[in-house]
């Protein structure tokens, strides 16, 4: 396995057993099997439990009382031969829910009264680096699926309410017969360099001190390489020549596939699009190392677990493969 596949949410090799999704009888038998386990999620937060200094998924049996509030169940696959499902229990309303939950800083945890001791619902971005590769992939898959179902309840062709099919991996329209599938949006994220200098920037709504690599959605009819060049030019006014693919990361916030690329800049002057970027700058390798170590007076390191941090770390270590 390439180093690139060790990015968070990637490289676990989960057996998704897609051939079983269309067999409702087989899925029902798997749900009743002795080794079946279900992962509850509440508003996109997976159930977690402390384990060996980190976190692991808070699996429950298929007949656990916490699942009585489940609005939707999805088949995730087989893990060590055991069937794994996820259940959306977002209908439950905790009594002490904050009025607002900041997606960047949500450290709140919720516990359903029927969850086992130590189990609680945790924002995935806050816990992703504490999960092993398999747990991270399972949690990301479940979150992405349920987020998609939450906003795709009606047929995009005729507007009639659709129904869940294929073990949670499809929605069917009973009126016009259309089939709808989980959406993944391709996004390029760019390690743009010129010699030993790296281009970083920040969006206007980000927390103070937060900088990262530039990124943007791939448009229809556009190659990944063209998207890199267009986004960097539109956001920062910098021209990019050669583009190399580096690594990808599923990013279920809510439904992106981040495609990490190395863009070789052919110009240097920065001209900002203020709608997209509040600030951007070139940093040399030594300054980038200080940022990554948390020793910079103004700029914070990229978020741990995100592909931006992964790419910057490997660029600094000269281990991009």
C-alpha atoms as a PDB file:
ATOM      1  CA  UNK A   1       0.000   0.000   0.000  1.00  0.00           C
ATOM      2  CA  UNK A   2       1.321   3.462  -0.920  1.00  0.00           C
ATOM      3  CA  UNK A   3       1.929   5.955   1.858  1.00  0.00           C
ATOM      4  CA  UNK A   4      -0.763   8.081   0.223  1.00  0.00           C
ATOM      5  CA  UNK A   5      -3.417   5.573   1.282  1.00  0.00           C
ATOM      6  CA  UNK A   6      -2.599   6.033   4.966  1.00  0.00           C
ATOM      7  CA  UNK A   7      -4.486   9.348   5.036  1.00  0.00           C
ATOM      8  CA  UNK A   8      -7.358   9.501   7.534  1.00  0.00           C
ATOM      9  CA  UNK A   9     -10.498   7.689   6.286  1.00  0.00           C
ATOM     10  CA  UNK A  10      -8.494   5.802   3.662  1.00  0.00           C
ATOM     11  CA  UNK A  11      -6.635   2.538   3.289  1.00  0.00           C
ATOM     12  CA  UNK A  12      -8.525   0.210   5.632  1.00  0.00           C
ATOM     13  CA  UNK A  13      -9.645  -2.278   2.961  1.00  0.00           C
ATOM     14  CA  UNK A  14     -13.178  -2.715   4.316  1.00  0.00           C
ATOM     15  CA  UNK A  15     -15.156  -5.534   2.663  1.00  0.00           C
ATOM     16  CA  UNK A  16     -18.272  -3.618   1.673  1.00  0.00           C
ATOM     17  CA  UNK A  17     -19.953  -6.804   0.375  1.00  0.00           C
ATOM     18  CA  UNK A  18     -21.909  -4.815  -2.223  1.00  0.00           C
ATOM     19  CA  UNK A  19     -23.279  -8.037  -3.721  1.00  0.00           C
ATOM     20  CA  UNK A  20     -25.489  -8.435  -0.639  1.00  0.00           C
ATOM     21  CA  UNK A  21     -27.154  -5.017  -0.781  1.00  0.00           C
ATOM     22  CA  UNK A  22     -29.909  -6.053  -3.156  1.00  0.00           C
ATOM     23  CA  UNK A  23     -30.832  -9.201  -1.185  1.00  0.00           C
ATOM     24  CA  UNK A  24     -33.271  -8.045   1.497  1.00  0.00           C
ATOM     25  CA  UNK A  25     -33.593 -11.564   2.895  1.00  0.00           C
ATOM     26  CA  UNK A  26     -29.856 -11.994   3.253  1.00  0.00           C
ATOM     27  CA  UNK A  27     -29.537  -8.606   4.956  1.00  0.00           C
ATOM     28  CA  UNK A  28     -32.303  -9.515   7.393  1.00  0.00           C
ATOM     29  CA  UNK A  29     -30.510 -12.770   8.228  1.00  0.00           C
ATOM     30  CA  UNK A  30     -27.239 -10.882   8.713  1.00  0.00           C
ATOM     31  CA  UNK A  31     -28.948  -8.398  11.020  1.00  0.00           C
ATOM     32  CA  UNK A  32     -30.158 -11.305  13.167  1.00  0.00           C
ATOM     33  CA  UNK A  33     -26.779 -13.073  13.169  1.00  0.00           C
ATOM     34  CA  UNK A  34     -24.985 -13.515  16.475  1.00  0.00           C
ATOM     35  CA  UNK A  35     -21.998 -11.432  15.393  1.00  0.00           C
ATOM     36  CA  UNK A  36     -24.021  -8.573  13.911  1.00  0.00           C
ATOM     37  CA  UNK A  37     -23.254  -5.128  15.278  1.00  0.00           C
ATOM     38  CA  UNK A  38     -24.895  -1.760  14.667  1.00  0.00           C
ATOM     39  CA  UNK A  39     -23.303   1.683  14.951  1.00  0.00           C
ATOM     40  CA  UNK A  40     -25.742   4.369  16.107  1.00  0.00           C
ATOM     41  CA  UNK A  41     -25.263   7.888  14.747  1.00  0.00           C
ATOM     42  CA  UNK A  42     -26.991  11.000  16.005  1.00  0.00           C
ATOM     43  CA  UNK A  43     -27.044  14.031  13.687  1.00  0.00           C
ATOM     44  CA  UNK A  44     -23.945  12.704  11.936  1.00  0.00           C
ATOM     45  CA  UNK A  45     -22.074  11.999  15.169  1.00  0.00           C
ATOM     46  CA  UNK A  46     -21.024   8.341  15.538  1.00  0.00           C
ATOM     47  CA  UNK A  47     -21.244   6.590  18.876  1.00  0.00           C
ATOM     48  CA  UNK A  48     -17.755   6.233  20.312  1.00  0.00           C
ATOM     49  CA  UNK A  49     -16.249   4.665  23.412  1.00  0.00           C
ATOM     50  CA  UNK A  50     -12.756   5.105  24.932  1.00  0.00           C
ATOM     51  CA  UNK A  51     -10.309   2.299  24.161  1.00  0.00           C
ATOM     52  CA  UNK A  52      -6.557   1.921  24.748  1.00  0.00           C
ATOM     53  CA  UNK A  53      -5.874   5.632  25.015  1.00  0.00           C
ATOM     54  CA  UNK A  54      -7.918   6.439  21.922  1.00  0.00           C
ATOM     55  CA  UNK A  55     -11.444   5.823  20.711  1.00  0.00           C
ATOM     56  CA  UNK A  56     -13.281   2.993  19.060  1.00  0.00           C
ATOM     57  CA  UNK A  57     -16.761   2.723  17.619  1.00  0.00           C
ATOM     58  CA  UNK A  58     -19.632   2.245  20.036  1.00  0.00           C
ATOM     59  CA  UNK A  59     -21.186  -0.832  18.487  1.00  0.00           C
ATOM     60  CA  UNK A  60     -24.403  -2.264  19.934  1.00  0.00           C
ATOM     61  CA  UNK A  61     -26.350  -5.424  19.230  1.00  0.00           C
ATOM     62  CA  UNK A  62     -29.146  -5.308  16.668  1.00  0.00           C
ATOM     63  CA  UNK A  63     -31.826  -5.451  19.399  1.00  0.00           C
ATOM     64  CA  UNK A  64     -30.348  -2.680  21.575  1.00  0.00           C
ATOM     65  CA  UNK A  65     -32.929  -0.247  22.941  1.00  0.00           C
ATOM     66  CA  UNK A  66     -31.035   2.787  21.672  1.00  0.00           C
ATOM     67  CA  UNK A  67     -31.981   1.673  18.148  1.00  0.00           C
ATOM     68  CA  UNK A  68     -35.723   1.978  18.809  1.00  0.00           C
ATOM     69  CA  UNK A  69     -35.489   5.609  17.684  1.00  0.00           C
ATOM     70  CA  UNK A  70     -33.721   4.680  14.428  1.00  0.00           C
ATOM     71  CA  UNK A  71     -35.127   6.386  11.332  1.00  0.00           C
ATOM     72  CA  UNK A  72     -32.860   4.573   8.886  1.00  0.00           C
ATOM     73  CA  UNK A  73     -30.507   1.611   8.857  1.00  0.00           C
ATOM     74  CA  UNK A  74     -27.719   0.963   6.344  1.00  0.00           C
ATOM     75  CA  UNK A  75     -25.516  -2.050   5.673  1.00  0.00           C
ATOM     76  CA  UNK A  76     -21.841  -1.060   5.861  1.00  0.00           C
ATOM     77  CA  UNK A  77     -20.217  -4.399   5.032  1.00  0.00           C
ATOM     78  CA  UNK A  78     -18.354  -7.240   6.690  1.00  0.00           C
ATOM     79  CA  UNK A  79     -15.597  -6.696   9.237  1.00  0.00           C
ATOM     80  CA  UNK A  80     -13.642  -9.843  10.121  1.00  0.00           C
ATOM     81  CA  UNK A  81     -16.623 -11.770   8.766  1.00  0.00           C
ATOM     82  CA  UNK A  82     -19.117 -10.033  11.035  1.00  0.00           C
ATOM     83  CA  UNK A  83     -21.939  -7.970   9.511  1.00  0.00           C
ATOM     84  CA  UNK A  84     -21.799  -4.266  10.306  1.00  0.00           C
ATOM     85  CA  UNK A  85     -24.732  -1.885  10.086  1.00  0.00           C
ATOM     86  CA  UNK A  86     -25.340   1.748  10.994  1.00  0.00           C
ATOM     87  CA  UNK A  87     -28.526   3.298  12.364  1.00  0.00           C
ATOM     88  CA  UNK A  88     -29.581   6.940  12.321  1.00  0.00           C
ATOM     89  CA  UNK A  89     -31.108   7.850  15.708  1.00  0.00           C
ATOM     90  CA  UNK A  90     -31.335  11.595  15.025  1.00  0.00           C
ATOM     91  CA  UNK A  91     -35.022  11.627  16.027  1.00  0.00           C
ATOM     92  CA  UNK A  92     -33.919  11.476  19.666  1.00  0.00           C
ATOM     93  CA  UNK A  93     -33.763  14.921  21.292  1.00  0.00           C
ATOM     94  CA  UNK A  94     -31.323  15.290  24.193  1.00  0.00           C
ATOM     95  CA  UNK A  95     -32.596  17.569  26.973  1.00  0.00           C
ATOM     96  CA  UNK A  96     -29.478  19.771  27.135  1.00  0.00           C
ATOM     97  CA  UNK A  97     -28.749  20.365  23.440  1.00  0.00           C
ATOM     98  CA  UNK A  98     -26.919  23.682  22.827  1.00  0.00           C
ATOM     99  CA  UNK A  99     -28.706  26.249  20.657  1.00  0.00           C
ATOM    100  CA  UNK A 100     -25.853  26.223  18.117  1.00  0.00           C
ATOM    101  CA  UNK A 101     -23.079  23.794  17.346  1.00  0.00           C
ATOM    102  CA  UNK A 102     -20.032  25.343  15.641  1.00  0.00           C
ATOM    103  CA  UNK A 103     -18.771  22.789  13.087  1.00  0.00           C
ATOM    104  CA  UNK A 104     -15.186  23.913  13.661  1.00  0.00           C
ATOM    105  CA  UNK A 105     -15.230  23.752  17.440  1.00  0.00           C
ATOM    106  CA  UNK A 106     -18.035  21.391  18.430  1.00  0.00           C
ATOM    107  CA  UNK A 107     -16.603  19.479  21.366  1.00  0.00           C
ATOM    108  CA  UNK A 108     -19.978  18.689  22.875  1.00  0.00           C
ATOM    109  CA  UNK A 109     -20.910  15.065  23.441  1.00  0.00           C
ATOM    110  CA  UNK A 110     -24.375  13.602  23.782  1.00  0.00           C
ATOM    111  CA  UNK A 111     -25.393  10.350  25.462  1.00  0.00           C
ATOM    112  CA  UNK A 112     -28.648   8.551  24.844  1.00  0.00           C
ATOM    113  CA  UNK A 113     -30.082   7.107  28.080  1.00  0.00           C
ATOM    114  CA  UNK A 114     -30.159   3.638  26.524  1.00  0.00           C
ATOM    115  CA  UNK A 115     -26.528   3.653  25.380  1.00  0.00           C
ATOM    116  CA  UNK A 116     -24.088   1.380  27.233  1.00  0.00           C
ATOM    117  CA  UNK A 117     -21.798   2.944  29.825  1.00  0.00           C
ATOM    118  CA  UNK A 118     -19.045   5.041  28.259  1.00  0.00           C
ATOM    119  CA  UNK A 119     -20.777   5.323  24.884  1.00  0.00           C
ATOM    120  CA  UNK A 120     -21.565   8.820  23.604  1.00  0.00           C
ATOM    121  CA  UNK A 121     -22.043  10.673  20.332  1.00  0.00           C
ATOM    122  CA  UNK A 122     -18.950  12.614  19.252  1.00  0.00           C
ATOM    123  CA  UNK A 123     -18.295  14.986  16.338  1.00  0.00           C
ATOM    124  CA  UNK A 124     -16.244  12.919  13.874  1.00  0.00           C
ATOM    125  CA  UNK A 125     -13.812  15.734  13.053  1.00  0.00           C
ATOM    126  CA  UNK A 126     -12.966  16.016  16.731  1.00  0.00           C
ATOM    127  CA  UNK A 127     -12.215  12.300  17.063  1.00  0.00           C
ATOM    128  CA  UNK A 128     -10.995  11.170  13.635  1.00  0.00           C
ATOM    129  CA  UNK A 129      -7.316  11.037  14.584  1.00  0.00           C
ATOM    130  CA  UNK A 130      -8.106   8.871  17.623  1.00  0.00           C
ATOM    131  CA  UNK A 131      -9.695   6.123  15.518  1.00  0.00           C
ATOM    132  CA  UNK A 132      -7.869   3.310  13.757  1.00  0.00           C
ATOM    133  CA  UNK A 133      -8.163   3.068   9.979  1.00  0.00           C
ATOM    134  CA  UNK A 134     -11.042   0.573   9.948  1.00  0.00           C
ATOM    135  CA  UNK A 135     -13.106   2.441  12.517  1.00  0.00           C
ATOM    136  CA  UNK A 136     -12.519   5.725  10.684  1.00  0.00           C
ATOM    137  CA  UNK A 137     -13.657   4.279   7.356  1.00  0.00           C
ATOM    138  CA  UNK A 138     -16.780   2.747   8.853  1.00  0.00           C
ATOM    139  CA  UNK A 139     -17.732   5.962  10.661  1.00  0.00           C
ATOM    140  CA  UNK A 140     -17.079   8.114   7.593  1.00  0.00           C
ATOM    141  CA  UNK A 141     -19.123   5.797   5.388  1.00  0.00           C
ATOM    142  CA  UNK A 142     -22.086   5.826   7.762  1.00  0.00           C
ATOM    143  CA  UNK A 143     -22.007   9.595   8.206  1.00  0.00           C
ATOM    144  CA  UNK A 144     -21.796  10.268   4.469  1.00  0.00           C
ATOM    145  CA  UNK A 145     -24.679   7.890   3.737  1.00  0.00           C
ATOM    146  CA  UNK A 146     -26.991   9.361   6.344  1.00  0.00           C
ATOM    147  CA  UNK A 147     -26.180  12.954   5.366  1.00  0.00           C
ATOM    148  CA  UNK A 148     -27.113  12.067   1.787  1.00  0.00           C
ATOM    149  CA  UNK A 149     -30.416  10.483   2.809  1.00  0.00           C
ATOM    150  CA  UNK A 150     -31.251  13.494   4.974  1.00  0.00           C
ATOM    151  CA  UNK A 151     -31.273  15.898   2.012  1.00  0.00           C
ATOM    152  CA  UNK A 152     -32.337  13.558  -0.802  1.00  0.00           C
ATOM    153  CA  UNK A 153     -35.714  12.313   0.382  1.00  0.00           C
ATOM    154  CA  UNK A 154     -37.508  13.282  -2.818  1.00  0.00           C
ATOM    155  CA  UNK A 155     -37.064  12.224  -6.410  1.00  0.00           C
ATOM    156  CA  UNK A 156     -34.956  14.742  -8.339  1.00  0.00           C
ATOM    157  CA  UNK A 157     -36.855  13.841 -11.522  1.00  0.00           C
ATOM    158  CA  UNK A 158     -40.509  14.153 -10.466  1.00  0.00           C
ATOM    159  CA  UNK A 159     -40.501  15.353  -6.831  1.00  0.00           C
ATOM    160  CA  UNK A 160     -42.286  12.363  -5.258  1.00  0.00           C
ATOM    161  CA  UNK A 161     -40.989  11.042  -1.919  1.00  0.00           C
ATOM    162  CA  UNK A 162     -38.468   8.266  -2.606  1.00  0.00           C
ATOM    163  CA  UNK A 163     -37.885   5.059  -0.673  1.00  0.00           C
ATOM    164  CA  UNK A 164     -34.704   3.513   0.702  1.00  0.00           C
ATOM    165  CA  UNK A 165     -33.360   0.491  -1.178  1.00  0.00           C
ATOM    166  CA  UNK A 166     -30.230  -1.639  -1.564  1.00  0.00           C
ATOM    167  CA  UNK A 167     -29.391  -1.765   2.118  1.00  0.00           C
ATOM    168  CA  UNK A 168     -29.306   2.023   2.379  1.00  0.00           C
ATOM    169  CA  UNK A 169     -27.195   2.586  -0.754  1.00  0.00           C
ATOM    170  CA  UNK A 170     -29.998   3.692  -3.082  1.00  0.00           C
ATOM    171  CA  UNK A 171     -33.304   5.561  -3.139  1.00  0.00           C
ATOM    172  CA  UNK A 172     -36.052   4.572  -5.564  1.00  0.00           C
ATOM    173  CA  UNK A 173     -38.947   6.659  -6.814  1.00  0.00           C
ATOM    174  CA  UNK A 174     -42.288   4.803  -6.652  1.00  0.00           C
ATOM    175  CA  UNK A 175     -43.824   7.173  -9.201  1.00  0.00           C
ATOM    176  CA  UNK A 176     -41.403   7.449 -12.118  1.00  0.00           C
ATOM    177  CA  UNK A 177     -39.077   4.539 -11.313  1.00  0.00           C
ATOM    178  CA  UNK A 178     -35.905   6.641 -11.067  1.00  0.00           C
ATOM    179  CA  UNK A 179     -32.996   5.332  -9.019  1.00  0.00           C
ATOM    180  CA  UNK A 180     -30.840   7.713  -6.985  1.00  0.00           C
ATOM    181  CA  UNK A 181     -27.416   6.954  -5.574  1.00  0.00           C
ATOM    182  CA  UNK A 182     -25.253   8.517  -2.843  1.00  0.00           C
ATOM    183  CA  UNK A 183     -23.488  11.616  -4.075  1.00  0.00           C
ATOM    184  CA  UNK A 184     -19.776  12.310  -3.796  1.00  0.00           C
ATOM    185  CA  UNK A 185     -18.448  15.694  -4.895  1.00  0.00           C
ATOM    186  CA  UNK A 186     -14.906  15.763  -6.359  1.00  0.00           C
ATOM    187  CA  UNK A 187     -12.730  18.456  -4.797  1.00  0.00           C
ATOM    188  CA  UNK A 188      -9.125  19.325  -5.627  1.00  0.00           C
ATOM    189  CA  UNK A 189      -6.845  20.454  -2.820  1.00  0.00           C
ATOM    190  CA  UNK A 190      -3.522  21.847  -3.908  1.00  0.00           C
ATOM    191  CA  UNK A 191      -0.019  21.719  -2.521  1.00  0.00           C
ATOM    192  CA  UNK A 192       1.157  24.664  -4.628  1.00  0.00           C
ATOM    193  CA  UNK A 193       4.902  25.231  -4.472  1.00  0.00           C
ATOM    194  CA  UNK A 194       7.555  27.327  -6.154  1.00  0.00           C
ATOM    195  CA  UNK A 195      10.988  26.065  -5.225  1.00  0.00           C
ATOM    196  CA  UNK A 196      10.990  25.740  -1.426  1.00  0.00           C
ATOM    197  CA  UNK A 197       7.992  28.025  -0.933  1.00  0.00           C
ATOM    198  CA  UNK A 198       4.449  26.867  -0.235  1.00  0.00           C
ATOM    199  CA  UNK A 199       1.210  28.745  -0.943  1.00  0.00           C
ATOM    200  CA  UNK A 200      -1.340  28.772   1.891  1.00  0.00           C
ATOM    201  CA  UNK A 201      -4.497  30.773   2.515  1.00  0.00           C
ATOM    202  CA  UNK A 202      -7.529  31.230   4.737  1.00  0.00           C
ATOM    203  CA  UNK A 203     -11.238  31.656   4.067  1.00  0.00           C
ATOM    204  CA  UNK A 204     -13.069  34.618   5.613  1.00  0.00           C
ATOM    205  CA  UNK A 205     -15.197  32.479   7.944  1.00  0.00           C
ATOM    206  CA  UNK A 206     -12.375  30.376   9.401  1.00  0.00           C
ATOM    207  CA  UNK A 207     -11.258  30.633  13.033  1.00  0.00           C
ATOM    208  CA  UNK A 208      -8.477  33.105  13.797  1.00  0.00           C
ATOM    209  CA  UNK A 209      -5.054  31.806  12.781  1.00  0.00           C
ATOM    210  CA  UNK A 210      -6.363  28.934  10.668  1.00  0.00           C
ATOM    211  CA  UNK A 211      -4.628  28.533   7.300  1.00  0.00           C
ATOM    212  CA  UNK A 212      -4.581  25.620   4.886  1.00  0.00           C
ATOM    213  CA  UNK A 213      -3.958  24.635   1.287  1.00  0.00           C
ATOM    214  CA  UNK A 214      -6.194  26.070  -1.416  1.00  0.00           C
ATOM    215  CA  UNK A 215      -9.069  23.856  -2.562  1.00  0.00           C
ATOM    216  CA  UNK A 216     -12.126  23.915  -4.775  1.00  0.00           C
ATOM    217  CA  UNK A 217     -14.786  21.826  -6.486  1.00  0.00           C
ATOM    218  CA  UNK A 218     -14.194  20.223  -9.873  1.00  0.00           C
ATOM    219  CA  UNK A 219     -16.666  21.609 -12.403  1.00  0.00           C
ATOM    220  CA  UNK A 220     -18.608  19.617 -15.029  1.00  0.00           C
ATOM    221  CA  UNK A 221     -16.499  18.881 -18.097  1.00  0.00           C
ATOM    222  CA  UNK A 222     -13.266  19.653 -16.262  1.00  0.00           C
ATOM    223  CA  UNK A 223     -10.216  17.497 -15.576  1.00  0.00           C
ATOM    224  CA  UNK A 224      -8.616  17.356 -12.156  1.00  0.00           C
ATOM    225  CA  UNK A 225      -5.530  19.134 -13.491  1.00  0.00           C
ATOM    226  CA  UNK A 226      -7.585  21.909 -15.078  1.00  0.00           C
ATOM    227  CA  UNK A 227      -9.495  22.384 -11.824  1.00  0.00           C
ATOM    228  CA  UNK A 228      -6.233  22.864  -9.929  1.00  0.00           C
ATOM    229  CA  UNK A 229      -5.052  25.540 -12.349  1.00  0.00           C
ATOM    230  CA  UNK A 230      -8.413  27.309 -12.457  1.00  0.00           C
ATOM    231  CA  UNK A 231      -8.999  27.356  -8.701  1.00  0.00           C
ATOM    232  CA  UNK A 232      -5.533  28.662  -7.837  1.00  0.00           C
ATOM    233  CA  UNK A 233      -5.816  31.365 -10.500  1.00  0.00           C
ATOM    234  CA  UNK A 234      -9.341  32.384  -9.477  1.00  0.00           C
ATOM    235  CA  UNK A 235      -8.651  32.460  -5.737  1.00  0.00           C
ATOM    236  CA  UNK A 236      -5.067  33.717  -5.565  1.00  0.00           C
ATOM    237  CA  UNK A 237      -4.119  34.976  -9.020  1.00  0.00           C
ATOM    238  CA  UNK A 238      -1.222  32.497  -9.230  1.00  0.00           C
ATOM    239  CA  UNK A 239      -0.560  30.515 -12.403  1.00  0.00           C
ATOM    240  CA  UNK A 240       0.122  26.774 -12.140  1.00  0.00           C
ATOM    241  CA  UNK A 241       1.851  24.661 -14.764  1.00  0.00           C
ATOM    242  CA  UNK A 242       2.578  21.006 -14.075  1.00  0.00           C
ATOM    243  CA  UNK A 243       0.077  19.194 -11.843  1.00  0.00           C
ATOM    244  CA  UNK A 244       0.757  15.824 -10.187  1.00  0.00           C
ATOM    245  CA  UNK A 245      -1.744  13.638  -8.338  1.00  0.00           C
ATOM    246  CA  UNK A 246      -0.654  12.745  -4.785  1.00  0.00           C
ATOM    247  CA  UNK A 247      -3.425  11.214  -2.664  1.00  0.00           C
ATOM    248  CA  UNK A 248      -7.170  11.218  -2.074  1.00  0.00           C
ATOM    249  CA  UNK A 249      -9.322  11.351   1.038  1.00  0.00           C
ATOM    250  CA  UNK A 250     -13.030  10.694   1.545  1.00  0.00           C
ATOM    251  CA  UNK A 251     -14.253  13.741   3.466  1.00  0.00           C
ATOM    252  CA  UNK A 252     -17.807  13.189   4.756  1.00  0.00           C
ATOM    253  CA  UNK A 253     -18.495  16.818   5.724  1.00  0.00           C
ATOM    254  CA  UNK A 254     -20.829  16.252   4.054  1.00  0.00           C
ATOM    255  CA  UNK A 255     -19.872  14.378   0.858  1.00  0.00           C
ATOM    256  CA  UNK A 256     -16.553  15.184  -0.789  1.00  0.00           C
ATOM    257  CA  UNK A 257     -13.673  13.231  -2.224  1.00  0.00           C
ATOM    258  CA  UNK A 258     -10.590  15.383  -1.665  1.00  0.00           C
ATOM    259  CA  UNK A 259      -8.039  14.825  -4.430  1.00  0.00           C
ATOM    260  CA  UNK A 260      -4.642  16.022  -3.274  1.00  0.00           C
ATOM    261  CA  UNK A 261      -2.464  17.435  -6.042  1.00  0.00           C
ATOM    262  CA  UNK A 262       0.948  19.038  -6.322  1.00  0.00           C
ATOM    263  CA  UNK A 263       0.779  22.193  -8.392  1.00  0.00           C
ATOM    264  CA  UNK A 264       4.014  23.764  -9.634  1.00  0.00           C
ATOM    265  CA  UNK A 265       3.528  27.537  -9.713  1.00  0.00           C
ATOM    266  CA  UNK A 266       4.794  29.491 -12.711  1.00  0.00           C
ATOM    267  CA  UNK A 267       4.010  32.903 -11.213  1.00  0.00           C
ATOM    268  CA  UNK A 268       4.282  34.346  -7.728  1.00  0.00           C
ATOM    269  CA  UNK A 269       2.271  37.530  -7.333  1.00  0.00           C
ATOM    270  CA  UNK A 270      -0.882  36.985  -5.246  1.00  0.00           C
ATOM    271  CA  UNK A 271      -4.133  38.708  -6.265  1.00  0.00           C
ATOM    272  CA  UNK A 272      -6.927  37.633  -3.933  1.00  0.00           C
ATOM    273  CA  UNK A 273     -10.549  36.928  -4.669  1.00  0.00           C
ATOM    274  CA  UNK A 274     -11.895  38.362  -1.380  1.00  0.00           C
ATOM    275  CA  UNK A 275     -15.035  36.239  -1.554  1.00  0.00           C
ATOM    276  CA  UNK A 276     -12.961  33.040  -1.498  1.00  0.00           C
ATOM    277  CA  UNK A 277      -9.876  34.076   0.474  1.00  0.00           C
ATOM    278  CA  UNK A 278      -9.308  36.559   3.256  1.00  0.00           C
ATOM    279  CA  UNK A 279      -5.543  36.195   3.040  1.00  0.00           C
ATOM    280  CA  UNK A 280      -2.922  34.113   1.230  1.00  0.00           C
ATOM    281  CA  UNK A 281       0.850  34.077   1.371  1.00  0.00           C
ATOM    282  CA  UNK A 282       3.961  32.165   0.423  1.00  0.00           C
ATOM    283  CA  UNK A 283       5.845  30.525   3.300  1.00  0.00           C
ATOM    284  CA  UNK A 284       9.332  29.051   3.050  1.00  0.00           C
ATOM    285  CA  UNK A 285      10.131  25.548   4.193  1.00  0.00           C
ATOM    286  CA  UNK A 286      11.546  26.683   7.552  1.00  0.00           C
ATOM    287  CA  UNK A 287       8.500  28.827   8.284  1.00  0.00           C
ATOM    288  CA  UNK A 288       6.213  25.977   7.183  1.00  0.00           C
ATOM    289  CA  UNK A 289       8.020  23.678   9.624  1.00  0.00           C
ATOM    290  CA  UNK A 290       7.423  26.171  12.443  1.00  0.00           C
ATOM    291  CA  UNK A 291       3.729  26.320  11.521  1.00  0.00           C
ATOM    292  CA  UNK A 292       3.449  22.530  11.435  1.00  0.00           C
ATOM    293  CA  UNK A 293       5.107  22.313  14.849  1.00  0.00           C
ATOM    294  CA  UNK A 294       2.712  24.865  16.326  1.00  0.00           C
ATOM    295  CA  UNK A 295       5.519  27.367  16.924  1.00  0.00           C
ATOM    296  CA  UNK A 296       4.363  30.157  14.609  1.00  0.00           C
ATOM    297  CA  UNK A 297       3.176  33.387  16.272  1.00  0.00           C
ATOM    298  CA  UNK A 298       0.238  33.991  13.888  1.00  0.00           C
ATOM    299  CA  UNK A 299      -0.527  30.852  11.884  1.00  0.00           C
ATOM    300  CA  UNK A 300      -1.904  27.625  13.314  1.00  0.00           C
ATOM    301  CA  UNK A 301      -1.126  24.176  11.868  1.00  0.00           C
ATOM    302  CA  UNK A 302      -3.562  22.597   9.433  1.00  0.00           C
ATOM    303  CA  UNK A 303      -6.211  20.438  11.087  1.00  0.00           C
ATOM    304  CA  UNK A 304      -4.874  17.038  12.141  1.00  0.00           C
ATOM    305  CA  UNK A 305      -6.466  14.263  10.130  1.00  0.00           C
ATOM    306  CA  UNK A 306      -7.263  16.461   7.140  1.00  0.00           C
ATOM    307  CA  UNK A 307      -5.504  15.776   3.852  1.00  0.00           C
ATOM    308  CA  UNK A 308      -4.002  19.294   3.915  1.00  0.00           C
ATOM    309  CA  UNK A 309      -2.030  18.414   7.042  1.00  0.00           C
ATOM    310  CA  UNK A 310      -1.083  15.055   5.514  1.00  0.00           C
ATOM    311  CA  UNK A 311       0.256  16.655   2.329  1.00  0.00           C
ATOM    312  CA  UNK A 312       2.146  19.416   4.123  1.00  0.00           C
ATOM    313  CA  UNK A 313       3.718  16.939   6.543  1.00  0.00           C
ATOM    314  CA  UNK A 314       4.926  14.684   3.746  1.00  0.00           C
ATOM    315  CA  UNK A 315       6.171  17.639   1.689  1.00  0.00           C
ATOM    316  CA  UNK A 316       8.234  18.830   4.640  1.00  0.00           C
ATOM    317  CA  UNK A 317       9.552  15.309   5.212  1.00  0.00           C
ATOM    318  CA  UNK A 318      10.218  14.807   1.476  1.00  0.00           C
ATOM    319  CA  UNK A 319       8.105  11.650   1.571  1.00  0.00           C
ATOM    320  CA  UNK A 320       5.474  12.405  -1.063  1.00  0.00           C
ATOM    321  CA  UNK A 321       5.043   9.267  -3.189  1.00  0.00           C
END
